[in-house]
């Protein structure tokens, strides 16, 4: 029958619609204060809702930098040319370890001409200096794809908590023996991207064709019933 043919075409059109990839991205930013002794926090993201489709992969990008103060002291009995450096690491990890990223930013102070040790370890005076420093951001990223088990911790209702942390220490780029101290803050910015295949949504033309087929089929059935009643 014509109506059955129209229905068959509509169903085939709906079933044959190509799946188009889509993405969802979320950002998280934090400033971790005085991270010298290590500072730990959580980066919180919404999980992927499986009602939207099938999650195929996820990407996490981490960007971060250090800023603070660094003090240096020439502890030798010779003049020195030196600069202080804040360095260390900023890191993030998913609860199951699927994602694990680490960056090693640094912030370098100006170069100083330091006199021999003046007898006081105060990072000041003729043999010392203290500077406010700010370093350029460093970034890295990681993509995970594969079976659903690899992405399970990021799928479902609620939120996922990533472990975010930083630690820092001071170095001296100099020519003699020096002491150094620092107070550093770490800035971390995260971007989480879900790549997924949405659930198929019929095109309007296919739905219209399906509705037409259903209407014709209904009319045909009514006609058959009337004929049988006669």
C-alpha atoms as a PDB file:
ATOM      1  CA  UNK A   1       0.000   0.000   0.000  1.00  0.00           C
ATOM      2  CA  UNK A   2       1.067   3.578  -0.613  1.00  0.00           C
ATOM      3  CA  UNK A   3       0.831   4.487   3.080  1.00  0.00           C
ATOM      4  CA  UNK A   4       3.049   1.576   4.089  1.00  0.00           C
ATOM      5  CA  UNK A   5       5.569   2.659   1.468  1.00  0.00           C
ATOM      6  CA  UNK A   6       5.615   6.201   2.828  1.00  0.00           C
ATOM      7  CA  UNK A   7       6.042   4.884   6.362  1.00  0.00           C
ATOM      8  CA  UNK A   8       8.933   2.698   5.268  1.00  0.00           C
ATOM      9  CA  UNK A   9      10.668   5.633   3.596  1.00  0.00           C
ATOM     10  CA  UNK A  10      10.171   7.860   6.652  1.00  0.00           C
ATOM     11  CA  UNK A  11      11.500   5.236   9.035  1.00  0.00           C
ATOM     12  CA  UNK A  12      14.537   4.632   6.842  1.00  0.00           C
ATOM     13  CA  UNK A  13      15.224   8.361   6.690  1.00  0.00           C
ATOM     14  CA  UNK A  14      15.045   8.654  10.468  1.00  0.00           C
ATOM     15  CA  UNK A  15      17.230   5.594  11.043  1.00  0.00           C
ATOM     16  CA  UNK A  16      19.743   6.721   8.451  1.00  0.00           C
ATOM     17  CA  UNK A  17      20.328  10.229   9.803  1.00  0.00           C
ATOM     18  CA  UNK A  18      24.073  10.789  10.291  1.00  0.00           C
ATOM     19  CA  UNK A  19      25.301  11.329  13.857  1.00  0.00           C
ATOM     20  CA  UNK A  20      27.049  14.700  14.239  1.00  0.00           C
ATOM     21  CA  UNK A  21      29.749  15.162  16.825  1.00  0.00           C
ATOM     22  CA  UNK A  22      29.246  17.837  19.452  1.00  0.00           C
ATOM     23  CA  UNK A  23      31.228  19.287  22.350  1.00  0.00           C
ATOM     24  CA  UNK A  24      30.586  20.697  25.801  1.00  0.00           C
ATOM     25  CA  UNK A  25      33.308  22.786  27.431  1.00  0.00           C
ATOM     26  CA  UNK A  26      33.662  24.013  30.999  1.00  0.00           C
ATOM     27  CA  UNK A  27      36.273  26.220  32.654  1.00  0.00           C
ATOM     28  CA  UNK A  28      37.602  26.430  36.186  1.00  0.00           C
ATOM     29  CA  UNK A  29      40.044  28.954  37.623  1.00  0.00           C
ATOM     30  CA  UNK A  30      41.696  29.232  41.025  1.00  0.00           C
ATOM     31  CA  UNK A  31      44.445  31.090  42.835  1.00  0.00           C
ATOM     32  CA  UNK A  32      46.324  28.916  45.321  1.00  0.00           C
ATOM     33  CA  UNK A  33      47.883  31.056  48.049  1.00  0.00           C
ATOM     34  CA  UNK A  34      51.316  30.582  49.644  1.00  0.00           C
ATOM     35  CA  UNK A  35      51.959  27.255  47.956  1.00  0.00           C
ATOM     36  CA  UNK A  36      55.531  26.787  49.188  1.00  0.00           C
ATOM     37  CA  UNK A  37      54.525  24.042  51.625  1.00  0.00           C
ATOM     38  CA  UNK A  38      52.073  22.620  49.021  1.00  0.00           C
ATOM     39  CA  UNK A  39      48.509  23.758  48.614  1.00  0.00           C
ATOM     40  CA  UNK A  40      45.723  21.332  47.650  1.00  0.00           C
ATOM     41  CA  UNK A  41      42.202  22.089  46.472  1.00  0.00           C
ATOM     42  CA  UNK A  42      39.463  20.702  44.234  1.00  0.00           C
ATOM     43  CA  UNK A  43      38.544  21.682  40.685  1.00  0.00           C
ATOM     44  CA  UNK A  44      34.834  20.993  40.241  1.00  0.00           C
ATOM     45  CA  UNK A  45      33.121  20.195  36.933  1.00  0.00           C
ATOM     46  CA  UNK A  46      29.687  18.933  35.930  1.00  0.00           C
ATOM     47  CA  UNK A  47      29.688  15.341  34.736  1.00  0.00           C
ATOM     48  CA  UNK A  48      28.554  14.479  31.220  1.00  0.00           C
ATOM     49  CA  UNK A  49      24.835  13.717  31.074  1.00  0.00           C
ATOM     50  CA  UNK A  50      24.401  10.409  29.174  1.00  0.00           C
ATOM     51  CA  UNK A  51      20.897  11.478  28.163  1.00  0.00           C
ATOM     52  CA  UNK A  52      22.589  13.845  25.704  1.00  0.00           C
ATOM     53  CA  UNK A  53      24.296  11.041  23.805  1.00  0.00           C
ATOM     54  CA  UNK A  54      27.454   8.936  23.920  1.00  0.00           C
ATOM     55  CA  UNK A  55      30.657  10.419  25.356  1.00  0.00           C
ATOM     56  CA  UNK A  56      33.534   9.463  23.045  1.00  0.00           C
ATOM     57  CA  UNK A  57      36.468  11.406  24.509  1.00  0.00           C
ATOM     58  CA  UNK A  58      37.413  14.190  26.871  1.00  0.00           C
ATOM     59  CA  UNK A  59      40.235  16.713  26.918  1.00  0.00           C
ATOM     60  CA  UNK A  60      41.670  18.553  29.894  1.00  0.00           C
ATOM     61  CA  UNK A  61      43.903  21.608  29.448  1.00  0.00           C
ATOM     62  CA  UNK A  62      45.908  23.086  32.333  1.00  0.00           C
ATOM     63  CA  UNK A  63      47.518  26.516  32.284  1.00  0.00           C
ATOM     64  CA  UNK A  64      49.224  28.127  35.252  1.00  0.00           C
ATOM     65  CA  UNK A  65      51.830  30.517  36.569  1.00  0.00           C
ATOM     66  CA  UNK A  66      53.598  31.660  39.738  1.00  0.00           C
ATOM     67  CA  UNK A  67      53.735  35.141  41.258  1.00  0.00           C
ATOM     68  CA  UNK A  68      55.002  36.414  44.604  1.00  0.00           C
ATOM     69  CA  UNK A  69      58.188  37.590  46.249  1.00  0.00           C
ATOM     70  CA  UNK A  70      61.652  36.058  46.162  1.00  0.00           C
ATOM     71  CA  UNK A  71      64.552  37.035  48.386  1.00  0.00           C
ATOM     72  CA  UNK A  72      68.237  36.294  47.823  1.00  0.00           C
ATOM     73  CA  UNK A  73      71.314  36.754  50.012  1.00  0.00           C
ATOM     74  CA  UNK A  74      74.967  36.426  49.048  1.00  0.00           C
ATOM     75  CA  UNK A  75      76.457  34.401  51.898  1.00  0.00           C
ATOM     76  CA  UNK A  76      79.982  34.288  50.480  1.00  0.00           C
ATOM     77  CA  UNK A  77      82.889  36.644  51.149  1.00  0.00           C
ATOM     78  CA  UNK A  78      83.065  37.581  47.448  1.00  0.00           C
ATOM     79  CA  UNK A  79      80.913  39.940  45.369  1.00  0.00           C
ATOM     80  CA  UNK A  80      78.094  38.209  43.514  1.00  0.00           C
ATOM     81  CA  UNK A  81      75.782  38.748  40.541  1.00  0.00           C
ATOM     82  CA  UNK A  82      72.551  36.893  41.157  1.00  0.00           C
ATOM     83  CA  UNK A  83      68.816  36.699  40.528  1.00  0.00           C
ATOM     84  CA  UNK A  84      66.093  34.940  42.484  1.00  0.00           C
ATOM     85  CA  UNK A  85      63.704  32.422  40.945  1.00  0.00           C
ATOM     86  CA  UNK A  86      60.398  30.970  42.089  1.00  0.00           C
ATOM     87  CA  UNK A  87      59.802  27.541  40.568  1.00  0.00           C
ATOM     88  CA  UNK A  88      57.875  24.385  41.365  1.00  0.00           C
ATOM     89  CA  UNK A  89      54.849  22.605  39.946  1.00  0.00           C
ATOM     90  CA  UNK A  90      51.096  22.912  39.466  1.00  0.00           C
ATOM     91  CA  UNK A  91      49.233  19.646  39.006  1.00  0.00           C
ATOM     92  CA  UNK A  92      45.754  18.209  38.539  1.00  0.00           C
ATOM     93  CA  UNK A  93      44.492  14.614  38.628  1.00  0.00           C
ATOM     94  CA  UNK A  94      41.133  12.910  38.216  1.00  0.00           C
ATOM     95  CA  UNK A  95      39.917  10.674  41.084  1.00  0.00           C
ATOM     96  CA  UNK A  96      40.718   7.485  39.170  1.00  0.00           C
ATOM     97  CA  UNK A  97      44.006   8.736  37.717  1.00  0.00           C
ATOM     98  CA  UNK A  98      42.710   8.665  34.132  1.00  0.00           C
ATOM     99  CA  UNK A  99      43.815  12.278  33.728  1.00  0.00           C
ATOM    100  CA  UNK A 100      47.059  13.527  35.271  1.00  0.00           C
ATOM    101  CA  UNK A 101      48.714  16.797  34.260  1.00  0.00           C
ATOM    102  CA  UNK A 102      51.718  18.663  35.665  1.00  0.00           C
ATOM    103  CA  UNK A 103      53.332  21.922  34.618  1.00  0.00           C
ATOM    104  CA  UNK A 104      56.504  23.579  35.948  1.00  0.00           C
ATOM    105  CA  UNK A 105      56.216  27.375  35.641  1.00  0.00           C
ATOM    106  CA  UNK A 106      58.776  29.813  37.014  1.00  0.00           C
ATOM    107  CA  UNK A 107      59.062  33.493  37.884  1.00  0.00           C
ATOM    108  CA  UNK A 108      62.495  35.112  37.634  1.00  0.00           C
ATOM    109  CA  UNK A 109      63.525  38.299  39.401  1.00  0.00           C
ATOM    110  CA  UNK A 110      65.964  40.983  38.213  1.00  0.00           C
ATOM    111  CA  UNK A 111      69.714  40.512  38.383  1.00  0.00           C
ATOM    112  CA  UNK A 112      71.468  42.172  41.329  1.00  0.00           C
ATOM    113  CA  UNK A 113      75.083  43.087  41.999  1.00  0.00           C
ATOM    114  CA  UNK A 114      75.520  41.911  45.598  1.00  0.00           C
ATOM    115  CA  UNK A 115      78.330  42.787  47.978  1.00  0.00           C
ATOM    116  CA  UNK A 116      79.999  40.121  50.141  1.00  0.00           C
ATOM    117  CA  UNK A 117      77.838  38.886  53.008  1.00  0.00           C
ATOM    118  CA  UNK A 118      77.099  41.756  55.374  1.00  0.00           C
ATOM    119  CA  UNK A 119      76.586  39.493  58.372  1.00  0.00           C
ATOM    120  CA  UNK A 120      72.769  39.590  58.464  1.00  0.00           C
ATOM    121  CA  UNK A 121      70.612  37.048  56.656  1.00  0.00           C
ATOM    122  CA  UNK A 122      67.717  39.413  55.965  1.00  0.00           C
ATOM    123  CA  UNK A 123      67.539  39.275  52.146  1.00  0.00           C
ATOM    124  CA  UNK A 124      68.221  42.972  52.082  1.00  0.00           C
ATOM    125  CA  UNK A 125      71.084  45.370  52.639  1.00  0.00           C
ATOM    126  CA  UNK A 126      74.234  45.401  50.535  1.00  0.00           C
ATOM    127  CA  UNK A 127      74.412  41.605  50.180  1.00  0.00           C
ATOM    128  CA  UNK A 128      70.734  40.817  49.651  1.00  0.00           C
ATOM    129  CA  UNK A 129      67.585  41.785  47.793  1.00  0.00           C
ATOM    130  CA  UNK A 130      63.877  40.964  47.746  1.00  0.00           C
ATOM    131  CA  UNK A 131      61.773  41.333  44.594  1.00  0.00           C
ATOM    132  CA  UNK A 132      58.179  41.011  43.535  1.00  0.00           C
ATOM    133  CA  UNK A 133      58.027  38.651  40.559  1.00  0.00           C
ATOM    134  CA  UNK A 134      55.441  37.309  38.138  1.00  0.00           C
ATOM    135  CA  UNK A 135      56.020  34.529  35.639  1.00  0.00           C
ATOM    136  CA  UNK A 136      54.538  33.705  32.257  1.00  0.00           C
ATOM    137  CA  UNK A 137      51.865  30.991  32.054  1.00  0.00           C
ATOM    138  CA  UNK A 138      52.827  27.444  31.097  1.00  0.00           C
ATOM    139  CA  UNK A 139      50.277  25.030  29.663  1.00  0.00           C
ATOM    140  CA  UNK A 140      49.730  21.393  28.791  1.00  0.00           C
ATOM    141  CA  UNK A 141      46.824  19.124  27.898  1.00  0.00           C
ATOM    142  CA  UNK A 142      45.673  15.525  27.743  1.00  0.00           C
ATOM    143  CA  UNK A 143      42.955  13.710  25.778  1.00  0.00           C
ATOM    144  CA  UNK A 144      41.397  10.427  26.858  1.00  0.00           C
ATOM    145  CA  UNK A 145      39.246   8.345  24.535  1.00  0.00           C
ATOM    146  CA  UNK A 146      38.201   4.756  24.392  1.00  0.00           C
ATOM    147  CA  UNK A 147      35.740   2.439  26.106  1.00  0.00           C
ATOM    148  CA  UNK A 148      33.111   3.750  28.493  1.00  0.00           C
ATOM    149  CA  UNK A 149      35.091   2.403  31.444  1.00  0.00           C
ATOM    150  CA  UNK A 150      37.840   4.941  30.753  1.00  0.00           C
ATOM    151  CA  UNK A 151      35.326   7.789  30.915  1.00  0.00           C
ATOM    152  CA  UNK A 152      33.053   6.449  33.662  1.00  0.00           C
ATOM    153  CA  UNK A 153      34.176   8.853  36.396  1.00  0.00           C
ATOM    154  CA  UNK A 154      33.134  11.801  34.187  1.00  0.00           C
ATOM    155  CA  UNK A 155      29.736  10.361  33.202  1.00  0.00           C
ATOM    156  CA  UNK A 156      26.440  10.461  35.088  1.00  0.00           C
ATOM    157  CA  UNK A 157      24.641  12.819  37.423  1.00  0.00           C
ATOM    158  CA  UNK A 158      26.285  15.390  39.676  1.00  0.00           C
ATOM    159  CA  UNK A 159      29.842  16.671  39.637  1.00  0.00           C
ATOM    160  CA  UNK A 160      33.373  15.325  39.394  1.00  0.00           C
ATOM    161  CA  UNK A 161      36.084  16.640  41.729  1.00  0.00           C
ATOM    162  CA  UNK A 162      39.617  16.820  40.359  1.00  0.00           C
ATOM    163  CA  UNK A 163      42.571  17.088  42.732  1.00  0.00           C
ATOM    164  CA  UNK A 164      44.328  20.406  42.094  1.00  0.00           C
ATOM    165  CA  UNK A 165      47.521  21.395  43.834  1.00  0.00           C
ATOM    166  CA  UNK A 166      50.748  23.359  43.689  1.00  0.00           C
ATOM    167  CA  UNK A 167      54.110  23.548  45.431  1.00  0.00           C
ATOM    168  CA  UNK A 168      56.943  26.031  45.038  1.00  0.00           C
ATOM    169  CA  UNK A 169      60.499  26.745  46.156  1.00  0.00           C
ATOM    170  CA  UNK A 170      63.201  29.357  45.598  1.00  0.00           C
ATOM    171  CA  UNK A 171      66.375  29.103  43.566  1.00  0.00           C
ATOM    172  CA  UNK A 172      69.214  31.514  42.900  1.00  0.00           C
ATOM    173  CA  UNK A 173      70.933  32.008  39.581  1.00  0.00           C
ATOM    174  CA  UNK A 174      74.265  33.337  40.812  1.00  0.00           C
ATOM    175  CA  UNK A 175      78.045  32.947  40.885  1.00  0.00           C
ATOM    176  CA  UNK A 176      78.715  32.428  44.589  1.00  0.00           C
ATOM    177  CA  UNK A 177      76.997  30.753  47.547  1.00  0.00           C
ATOM    178  CA  UNK A 178      73.552  32.181  48.196  1.00  0.00           C
ATOM    179  CA  UNK A 179      70.490  31.691  50.369  1.00  0.00           C
ATOM    180  CA  UNK A 180      66.963  32.169  49.054  1.00  0.00           C
ATOM    181  CA  UNK A 181      63.407  32.444  50.297  1.00  0.00           C
ATOM    182  CA  UNK A 182      60.050  32.875  48.585  1.00  0.00           C
ATOM    183  CA  UNK A 183      56.355  33.421  49.096  1.00  0.00           C
ATOM    184  CA  UNK A 184      54.438  32.296  46.043  1.00  0.00           C
ATOM    185  CA  UNK A 185      50.869  32.157  44.793  1.00  0.00           C
ATOM    186  CA  UNK A 186      49.895  29.850  41.954  1.00  0.00           C
ATOM    187  CA  UNK A 187      47.229  30.656  39.387  1.00  0.00           C
ATOM    188  CA  UNK A 188      45.638  27.646  37.664  1.00  0.00           C
ATOM    189  CA  UNK A 189      43.131  27.644  34.815  1.00  0.00           C
ATOM    190  CA  UNK A 190      41.462  24.460  33.592  1.00  0.00           C
ATOM    191  CA  UNK A 191      39.426  23.731  30.475  1.00  0.00           C
ATOM    192  CA  UNK A 192      37.479  20.458  30.301  1.00  0.00           C
ATOM    193  CA  UNK A 193      35.977  19.460  26.948  1.00  0.00           C
ATOM    194  CA  UNK A 194      33.511  16.614  26.405  1.00  0.00           C
ATOM    195  CA  UNK A 195      33.341  15.241  22.841  1.00  0.00           C
ATOM    196  CA  UNK A 196      30.188  13.227  22.264  1.00  0.00           C
ATOM    197  CA  UNK A 197      27.774  11.894  19.657  1.00  0.00           C
ATOM    198  CA  UNK A 198      24.293  13.296  20.322  1.00  0.00           C
ATOM    199  CA  UNK A 199      21.247  11.089  20.345  1.00  0.00           C
ATOM    200  CA  UNK A 200      19.683  11.033  16.886  1.00  0.00           C
ATOM    201  CA  UNK A 201      17.003  13.682  16.370  1.00  0.00           C
ATOM    202  CA  UNK A 202      14.819  13.185  13.275  1.00  0.00           C
ATOM    203  CA  UNK A 203      14.884  15.936  10.672  1.00  0.00           C
ATOM    204  CA  UNK A 204      11.588  17.887  10.289  1.00  0.00           C
ATOM    205  CA  UNK A 205      11.137  16.541   6.740  1.00  0.00           C
ATOM    206  CA  UNK A 206      11.376  12.945   7.957  1.00  0.00           C
ATOM    207  CA  UNK A 207       8.901  13.636  10.749  1.00  0.00           C
ATOM    208  CA  UNK A 208       6.509  15.259   8.298  1.00  0.00           C
ATOM    209  CA  UNK A 209       6.769  12.264   5.986  1.00  0.00           C
ATOM    210  CA  UNK A 210       6.149   9.908   8.908  1.00  0.00           C
ATOM    211  CA  UNK A 211       3.073  11.928   9.954  1.00  0.00           C
ATOM    212  CA  UNK A 212       1.757  11.845   6.371  1.00  0.00           C
ATOM    213  CA  UNK A 213       2.192   8.106   6.220  1.00  0.00           C
ATOM    214  CA  UNK A 214       0.388   7.623   9.525  1.00  0.00           C
ATOM    215  CA  UNK A 215      -2.491   9.832   8.348  1.00  0.00           C
ATOM    216  CA  UNK A 216      -2.899   7.957   5.065  1.00  0.00           C
ATOM    217  CA  UNK A 217      -2.711   4.640   6.889  1.00  0.00           C
ATOM    218  CA  UNK A 218      -5.444   5.773   9.294  1.00  0.00           C
ATOM    219  CA  UNK A 219      -7.704   6.911   6.441  1.00  0.00           C
ATOM    220  CA  UNK A 220      -7.157   3.617   4.593  1.00  0.00           C
ATOM    221  CA  UNK A 221      -8.083   1.589   7.663  1.00  0.00           C
ATOM    222  CA  UNK A 222     -11.289   3.564   8.145  1.00  0.00           C
ATOM    223  CA  UNK A 223     -12.234   2.949   4.534  1.00  0.00           C
ATOM    224  CA  UNK A 224     -11.626  -0.772   4.915  1.00  0.00           C
ATOM    225  CA  UNK A 225     -13.813  -0.888   8.024  1.00  0.00           C
ATOM    226  CA  UNK A 226     -16.656   0.959   6.273  1.00  0.00           C
ATOM    227  CA  UNK A 227     -16.462  -1.471   3.362  1.00  0.00           C
ATOM    228  CA  UNK A 228     -16.603  -4.449   5.738  1.00  0.00           C
ATOM    229  CA  UNK A 229     -19.622  -2.942   7.574  1.00  0.00           C
ATOM    230  CA  UNK A 230     -21.511  -2.739   4.280  1.00  0.00           C
END
